[in-house]
């Protein structure tokens, strides 16, 4: 494992610890509220499936910082995709809370007119979200930054491995067309795929 990835895992762990200290947890009421909004639009066959998904999301979000620590551990043991998903779900409640807070603040301060049903839904969702402390906010932000860093490191590793494969192909006696990227023999001066001379 590269040190860069380990650094971002430690950032995720720091975010998780700050979330635990700040008591940043998701709210069961939020997912129950989402379920009540979704019921009229979902067929009876799919309701149990939606309920199971929302229950799983509810538990992951409810444990907040602990879920971030579990996600960081999964990334550490190279289950990167699952770990990133868990961190995203664990921090999504806090990020969504910030977005709802910003929208409510903008509507209140700038006098943006909203339809009464939208205003009611916004007010109900806003009442669900609370940040118990600055630590909860800071932990959420730090965990999101750590998750982004893991994603970026993973992307850079994939790009570097692709570059290494291309350089290995060149050493074996092949090159790439500068126009279309097709693999050609090393001595080729014409691309059969795009017709470019070089």
C-alpha atoms as a PDB file:
ATOM      1  CA  UNK A   1       0.000   0.000   0.000  1.00  0.00           C
ATOM      2  CA  UNK A   2       1.325   3.438  -0.878  1.00  0.00           C
ATOM      3  CA  UNK A   3       1.945   6.071   1.782  1.00  0.00           C
ATOM      4  CA  UNK A   4      -0.372   8.525   0.015  1.00  0.00           C
ATOM      5  CA  UNK A   5      -3.332   6.184   0.435  1.00  0.00           C
ATOM      6  CA  UNK A   6      -2.383   5.574   4.064  1.00  0.00           C
ATOM      7  CA  UNK A   7      -2.324   9.341   4.666  1.00  0.00           C
ATOM      8  CA  UNK A   8      -5.887   9.724   3.353  1.00  0.00           C
ATOM      9  CA  UNK A   9      -7.035   6.761   5.441  1.00  0.00           C
ATOM     10  CA  UNK A  10      -5.639   8.509   8.524  1.00  0.00           C
ATOM     11  CA  UNK A  11      -7.525  11.667   7.499  1.00  0.00           C
ATOM     12  CA  UNK A  12     -10.742   9.590   7.309  1.00  0.00           C
ATOM     13  CA  UNK A  13     -10.021   8.145  10.757  1.00  0.00           C
ATOM     14  CA  UNK A  14      -9.451  11.660  12.142  1.00  0.00           C
ATOM     15  CA  UNK A  15     -12.774  12.758  10.638  1.00  0.00           C
ATOM     16  CA  UNK A  16     -14.508   9.748  12.178  1.00  0.00           C
ATOM     17  CA  UNK A  17     -13.034  10.482  15.612  1.00  0.00           C
ATOM     18  CA  UNK A  18     -14.104  14.141  15.388  1.00  0.00           C
ATOM     19  CA  UNK A  19     -17.600  13.021  14.394  1.00  0.00           C
ATOM     20  CA  UNK A  20     -17.731  10.698  17.414  1.00  0.00           C
ATOM     21  CA  UNK A  21     -16.513  13.444  19.770  1.00  0.00           C
ATOM     22  CA  UNK A  22     -19.020  15.892  18.278  1.00  0.00           C
ATOM     23  CA  UNK A  23     -21.853  13.337  18.413  1.00  0.00           C
ATOM     24  CA  UNK A  24     -22.513  13.613  14.677  1.00  0.00           C
ATOM     25  CA  UNK A  25     -25.100  10.965  13.936  1.00  0.00           C
ATOM     26  CA  UNK A  26     -27.811  10.652  11.377  1.00  0.00           C
ATOM     27  CA  UNK A  27     -31.445  10.792  12.331  1.00  0.00           C
ATOM     28  CA  UNK A  28     -33.849   7.881  12.070  1.00  0.00           C
ATOM     29  CA  UNK A  29     -36.641  10.412  11.577  1.00  0.00           C
ATOM     30  CA  UNK A  30     -35.069  11.618   8.332  1.00  0.00           C
ATOM     31  CA  UNK A  31     -35.216   8.183   6.696  1.00  0.00           C
ATOM     32  CA  UNK A  32     -38.728   7.587   8.019  1.00  0.00           C
ATOM     33  CA  UNK A  33     -39.698  10.949   6.543  1.00  0.00           C
ATOM     34  CA  UNK A  34     -38.148   9.971   3.180  1.00  0.00           C
ATOM     35  CA  UNK A  35     -40.111   6.730   3.298  1.00  0.00           C
ATOM     36  CA  UNK A  36     -43.369   8.591   3.964  1.00  0.00           C
ATOM     37  CA  UNK A  37     -42.638  10.896   0.998  1.00  0.00           C
ATOM     38  CA  UNK A  38     -41.848   7.943  -1.282  1.00  0.00           C
ATOM     39  CA  UNK A  39     -44.854   5.739  -0.409  1.00  0.00           C
ATOM     40  CA  UNK A  40     -47.370   7.434  -2.761  1.00  0.00           C
ATOM     41  CA  UNK A  41     -44.994   7.180  -5.740  1.00  0.00           C
ATOM     42  CA  UNK A  42     -43.779   3.590  -5.347  1.00  0.00           C
ATOM     43  CA  UNK A  43     -45.735   0.487  -6.243  1.00  0.00           C
ATOM     44  CA  UNK A  44     -46.737  -1.949  -3.509  1.00  0.00           C
ATOM     45  CA  UNK A  45     -44.334  -4.576  -4.904  1.00  0.00           C
ATOM     46  CA  UNK A  46     -41.298  -2.332  -4.397  1.00  0.00           C
ATOM     47  CA  UNK A  47     -42.180  -0.898  -0.971  1.00  0.00           C
ATOM     48  CA  UNK A  48     -40.480  -3.693   1.047  1.00  0.00           C
ATOM     49  CA  UNK A  49     -37.329  -3.302  -1.064  1.00  0.00           C
ATOM     50  CA  UNK A  50     -37.259   0.482  -0.539  1.00  0.00           C
ATOM     51  CA  UNK A  51     -37.894   0.003   3.180  1.00  0.00           C
ATOM     52  CA  UNK A  52     -34.935  -2.401   3.482  1.00  0.00           C
ATOM     53  CA  UNK A  53     -32.607   0.006   1.636  1.00  0.00           C
ATOM     54  CA  UNK A  54     -33.683   2.971   3.763  1.00  0.00           C
ATOM     55  CA  UNK A  55     -33.247   0.903   6.944  1.00  0.00           C
ATOM     56  CA  UNK A  56     -29.668  -0.008   5.957  1.00  0.00           C
ATOM     57  CA  UNK A  57     -28.910   3.639   5.150  1.00  0.00           C
ATOM     58  CA  UNK A  58     -30.503   4.659   8.452  1.00  0.00           C
ATOM     59  CA  UNK A  59     -28.236   2.384  10.483  1.00  0.00           C
ATOM     60  CA  UNK A  60     -25.070   3.427   8.641  1.00  0.00           C
ATOM     61  CA  UNK A  61     -25.910   7.130   9.043  1.00  0.00           C
ATOM     62  CA  UNK A  62     -27.068   6.700  12.658  1.00  0.00           C
ATOM     63  CA  UNK A  63     -23.645   5.488  13.746  1.00  0.00           C
ATOM     64  CA  UNK A  64     -21.937   8.460  12.006  1.00  0.00           C
ATOM     65  CA  UNK A  65     -18.298   8.531  13.091  1.00  0.00           C
ATOM     66  CA  UNK A  66     -18.217   4.807  13.869  1.00  0.00           C
ATOM     67  CA  UNK A  67     -19.346   4.093  10.309  1.00  0.00           C
ATOM     68  CA  UNK A  68     -16.541   6.323   9.000  1.00  0.00           C
ATOM     69  CA  UNK A  69     -14.025   4.322  11.058  1.00  0.00           C
ATOM     70  CA  UNK A  70     -15.405   1.057   9.648  1.00  0.00           C
ATOM     71  CA  UNK A  71     -15.176   2.515   6.123  1.00  0.00           C
ATOM     72  CA  UNK A  72     -11.548   3.562   6.734  1.00  0.00           C
ATOM     73  CA  UNK A  73     -10.728   0.059   8.003  1.00  0.00           C
ATOM     74  CA  UNK A  74     -12.290  -1.486   4.884  1.00  0.00           C
ATOM     75  CA  UNK A  75     -10.189   0.821   2.698  1.00  0.00           C
ATOM     76  CA  UNK A  76      -7.120  -0.213   4.704  1.00  0.00           C
ATOM     77  CA  UNK A  77      -7.759  -3.902   3.958  1.00  0.00           C
ATOM     78  CA  UNK A  78      -8.192  -3.023   0.260  1.00  0.00           C
ATOM     79  CA  UNK A  79     -11.986  -3.176   0.114  1.00  0.00           C
ATOM     80  CA  UNK A  80     -11.779   0.359  -1.239  1.00  0.00           C
ATOM     81  CA  UNK A  81     -15.114   0.608  -3.041  1.00  0.00           C
ATOM     82  CA  UNK A  82     -17.183  -0.668  -0.085  1.00  0.00           C
ATOM     83  CA  UNK A  83     -15.265   1.555   2.332  1.00  0.00           C
ATOM     84  CA  UNK A  84     -15.837   4.649   0.195  1.00  0.00           C
ATOM     85  CA  UNK A  85     -19.562   3.881  -0.053  1.00  0.00           C
ATOM     86  CA  UNK A  86     -19.878   3.508   3.728  1.00  0.00           C
ATOM     87  CA  UNK A  87     -18.003   6.777   4.341  1.00  0.00           C
ATOM     88  CA  UNK A  88     -20.200   8.536   1.776  1.00  0.00           C
ATOM     89  CA  UNK A  89     -23.389   7.312   3.472  1.00  0.00           C
ATOM     90  CA  UNK A  90     -22.056   8.104   6.958  1.00  0.00           C
ATOM     91  CA  UNK A  91     -21.158  11.677   5.991  1.00  0.00           C
ATOM     92  CA  UNK A  92     -24.089  12.270   3.651  1.00  0.00           C
ATOM     93  CA  UNK A  93     -26.440  13.112   6.509  1.00  0.00           C
ATOM     94  CA  UNK A  94     -24.121  15.904   7.649  1.00  0.00           C
ATOM     95  CA  UNK A  95     -23.568  17.210   4.129  1.00  0.00           C
ATOM     96  CA  UNK A  96     -27.288  17.093   3.396  1.00  0.00           C
ATOM     97  CA  UNK A  97     -27.884  18.942   6.658  1.00  0.00           C
ATOM     98  CA  UNK A  98     -25.472  21.671   5.552  1.00  0.00           C
ATOM     99  CA  UNK A  99     -27.194  21.957   2.169  1.00  0.00           C
ATOM    100  CA  UNK A 100     -30.650  22.177   3.797  1.00  0.00           C
ATOM    101  CA  UNK A 101     -29.316  24.744   6.273  1.00  0.00           C
ATOM    102  CA  UNK A 102     -27.839  26.839   3.412  1.00  0.00           C
ATOM    103  CA  UNK A 103     -31.092  26.663   1.405  1.00  0.00           C
ATOM    104  CA  UNK A 104     -33.168  27.629   4.442  1.00  0.00           C
ATOM    105  CA  UNK A 105     -30.793  30.486   5.225  1.00  0.00           C
ATOM    106  CA  UNK A 106     -30.904  31.746   1.615  1.00  0.00           C
ATOM    107  CA  UNK A 107     -34.714  31.524   1.485  1.00  0.00           C
ATOM    108  CA  UNK A 108     -35.027  33.389   4.788  1.00  0.00           C
ATOM    109  CA  UNK A 109     -32.425  36.097   4.152  1.00  0.00           C
ATOM    110  CA  UNK A 110     -33.033  36.776   0.469  1.00  0.00           C
ATOM    111  CA  UNK A 111     -36.808  36.387   0.585  1.00  0.00           C
ATOM    112  CA  UNK A 112     -36.907  33.725  -2.134  1.00  0.00           C
ATOM    113  CA  UNK A 113     -40.555  32.767  -2.686  1.00  0.00           C
ATOM    114  CA  UNK A 114     -41.369  29.050  -2.528  1.00  0.00           C
ATOM    115  CA  UNK A 115     -44.588  27.138  -3.055  1.00  0.00           C
ATOM    116  CA  UNK A 116     -46.284  26.337   0.280  1.00  0.00           C
ATOM    117  CA  UNK A 117     -45.796  22.536  -0.067  1.00  0.00           C
ATOM    118  CA  UNK A 118     -42.086  22.996  -0.831  1.00  0.00           C
ATOM    119  CA  UNK A 119     -41.760  25.436   2.073  1.00  0.00           C
ATOM    120  CA  UNK A 120     -43.444  22.895   4.380  1.00  0.00           C
ATOM    121  CA  UNK A 121     -41.166  20.037   3.270  1.00  0.00           C
ATOM    122  CA  UNK A 122     -38.087  22.262   3.667  1.00  0.00           C
ATOM    123  CA  UNK A 123     -39.187  23.310   7.171  1.00  0.00           C
ATOM    124  CA  UNK A 124     -39.847  19.685   8.211  1.00  0.00           C
ATOM    125  CA  UNK A 125     -36.484  18.474   6.908  1.00  0.00           C
ATOM    126  CA  UNK A 126     -34.689  21.449   8.500  1.00  0.00           C
ATOM    127  CA  UNK A 127     -36.202  20.587  11.894  1.00  0.00           C
ATOM    128  CA  UNK A 128     -34.702  17.077  11.664  1.00  0.00           C
ATOM    129  CA  UNK A 129     -31.100  18.251  11.178  1.00  0.00           C
ATOM    130  CA  UNK A 130     -28.972  19.410  14.080  1.00  0.00           C
ATOM    131  CA  UNK A 131     -25.236  19.838  14.432  1.00  0.00           C
ATOM    132  CA  UNK A 132     -24.517  19.296  18.115  1.00  0.00           C
ATOM    133  CA  UNK A 133     -21.142  21.041  17.927  1.00  0.00           C
ATOM    134  CA  UNK A 134     -18.462  22.435  15.673  1.00  0.00           C
ATOM    135  CA  UNK A 135     -16.637  19.121  16.089  1.00  0.00           C
ATOM    136  CA  UNK A 136     -19.476  17.321  14.324  1.00  0.00           C
ATOM    137  CA  UNK A 137     -19.244  19.745  11.405  1.00  0.00           C
ATOM    138  CA  UNK A 138     -15.430  19.579  11.292  1.00  0.00           C
ATOM    139  CA  UNK A 139     -15.448  15.779  11.465  1.00  0.00           C
ATOM    140  CA  UNK A 140     -17.896  15.547   8.589  1.00  0.00           C
ATOM    141  CA  UNK A 141     -15.785  17.871   6.437  1.00  0.00           C
ATOM    142  CA  UNK A 142     -12.507  16.090   7.299  1.00  0.00           C
ATOM    143  CA  UNK A 143     -14.017  12.652   6.560  1.00  0.00           C
ATOM    144  CA  UNK A 144     -15.312  13.869   3.182  1.00  0.00           C
ATOM    145  CA  UNK A 145     -11.867  15.289   2.338  1.00  0.00           C
ATOM    146  CA  UNK A 146     -10.253  11.971   3.311  1.00  0.00           C
ATOM    147  CA  UNK A 147     -12.685  10.017   1.144  1.00  0.00           C
ATOM    148  CA  UNK A 148     -11.994  12.338  -1.793  1.00  0.00           C
ATOM    149  CA  UNK A 149      -8.245  11.864  -1.247  1.00  0.00           C
ATOM    150  CA  UNK A 150      -8.598   8.063  -1.320  1.00  0.00           C
ATOM    151  CA  UNK A 151     -10.609   8.322  -4.534  1.00  0.00           C
ATOM    152  CA  UNK A 152      -8.044  10.639  -6.109  1.00  0.00           C
ATOM    153  CA  UNK A 153      -5.110   8.409  -5.090  1.00  0.00           C
ATOM    154  CA  UNK A 154      -6.873   5.370  -6.541  1.00  0.00           C
ATOM    155  CA  UNK A 155      -7.448   7.223  -9.818  1.00  0.00           C
ATOM    156  CA  UNK A 156      -3.796   8.318  -9.990  1.00  0.00           C
ATOM    157  CA  UNK A 157      -2.639   4.737  -9.383  1.00  0.00           C
ATOM    158  CA  UNK A 158      -4.816   3.487 -12.257  1.00  0.00           C
ATOM    159  CA  UNK A 159      -3.437   6.166 -14.586  1.00  0.00           C
ATOM    160  CA  UNK A 160       0.169   5.365 -13.653  1.00  0.00           C
ATOM    161  CA  UNK A 161      -0.393   1.629 -14.221  1.00  0.00           C
ATOM    162  CA  UNK A 162      -1.875   2.415 -17.663  1.00  0.00           C
ATOM    163  CA  UNK A 163       1.172   4.557 -18.499  1.00  0.00           C
ATOM    164  CA  UNK A 164       3.480   1.734 -17.394  1.00  0.00           C
ATOM    165  CA  UNK A 165       1.622  -0.730 -19.639  1.00  0.00           C
ATOM    166  CA  UNK A 166       1.988   1.618 -22.609  1.00  0.00           C
ATOM    167  CA  UNK A 167       5.707   2.083 -21.951  1.00  0.00           C
ATOM    168  CA  UNK A 168       6.137  -1.701 -21.667  1.00  0.00           C
ATOM    169  CA  UNK A 169       4.396  -2.136 -25.022  1.00  0.00           C
ATOM    170  CA  UNK A 170       6.755   0.417 -26.575  1.00  0.00           C
ATOM    171  CA  UNK A 171       9.765  -1.456 -25.227  1.00  0.00           C
ATOM    172  CA  UNK A 172       8.463  -4.692 -26.766  1.00  0.00           C
ATOM    173  CA  UNK A 173       8.603  -3.243 -30.273  1.00  0.00           C
ATOM    174  CA  UNK A 174       5.343  -1.401 -30.698  1.00  0.00           C
ATOM    175  CA  UNK A 175       4.235   2.212 -30.651  1.00  0.00           C
ATOM    176  CA  UNK A 176       0.982   4.137 -30.687  1.00  0.00           C
ATOM    177  CA  UNK A 177      -0.531   6.261 -33.428  1.00  0.00           C
ATOM    178  CA  UNK A 178      -0.467   9.911 -32.276  1.00  0.00           C
ATOM    179  CA  UNK A 179      -3.795  10.527 -34.019  1.00  0.00           C
ATOM    180  CA  UNK A 180      -6.035   7.614 -32.935  1.00  0.00           C
ATOM    181  CA  UNK A 181      -3.942   5.715 -30.351  1.00  0.00           C
ATOM    182  CA  UNK A 182      -3.873   2.413 -32.274  1.00  0.00           C
ATOM    183  CA  UNK A 183      -1.001   0.020 -31.491  1.00  0.00           C
ATOM    184  CA  UNK A 184       1.450  -0.215 -34.395  1.00  0.00           C
ATOM    185  CA  UNK A 185       4.767  -1.967 -35.075  1.00  0.00           C
ATOM    186  CA  UNK A 186       7.767   0.099 -33.966  1.00  0.00           C
ATOM    187  CA  UNK A 187       8.954   0.710 -37.564  1.00  0.00           C
ATOM    188  CA  UNK A 188       5.516   1.682 -38.934  1.00  0.00           C
ATOM    189  CA  UNK A 189       5.207   5.060 -40.680  1.00  0.00           C
ATOM    190  CA  UNK A 190       1.517   4.745 -41.584  1.00  0.00           C
ATOM    191  CA  UNK A 191      -1.576   3.962 -39.465  1.00  0.00           C
ATOM    192  CA  UNK A 192      -3.976   1.476 -41.066  1.00  0.00           C
ATOM    193  CA  UNK A 193      -6.783   2.500 -38.722  1.00  0.00           C
ATOM    194  CA  UNK A 194      -6.929   6.271 -39.325  1.00  0.00           C
ATOM    195  CA  UNK A 195      -4.688   6.664 -42.384  1.00  0.00           C
ATOM    196  CA  UNK A 196      -2.223   9.122 -40.803  1.00  0.00           C
ATOM    197  CA  UNK A 197       1.349   9.302 -42.103  1.00  0.00           C
ATOM    198  CA  UNK A 198       4.210  10.055 -39.704  1.00  0.00           C
END
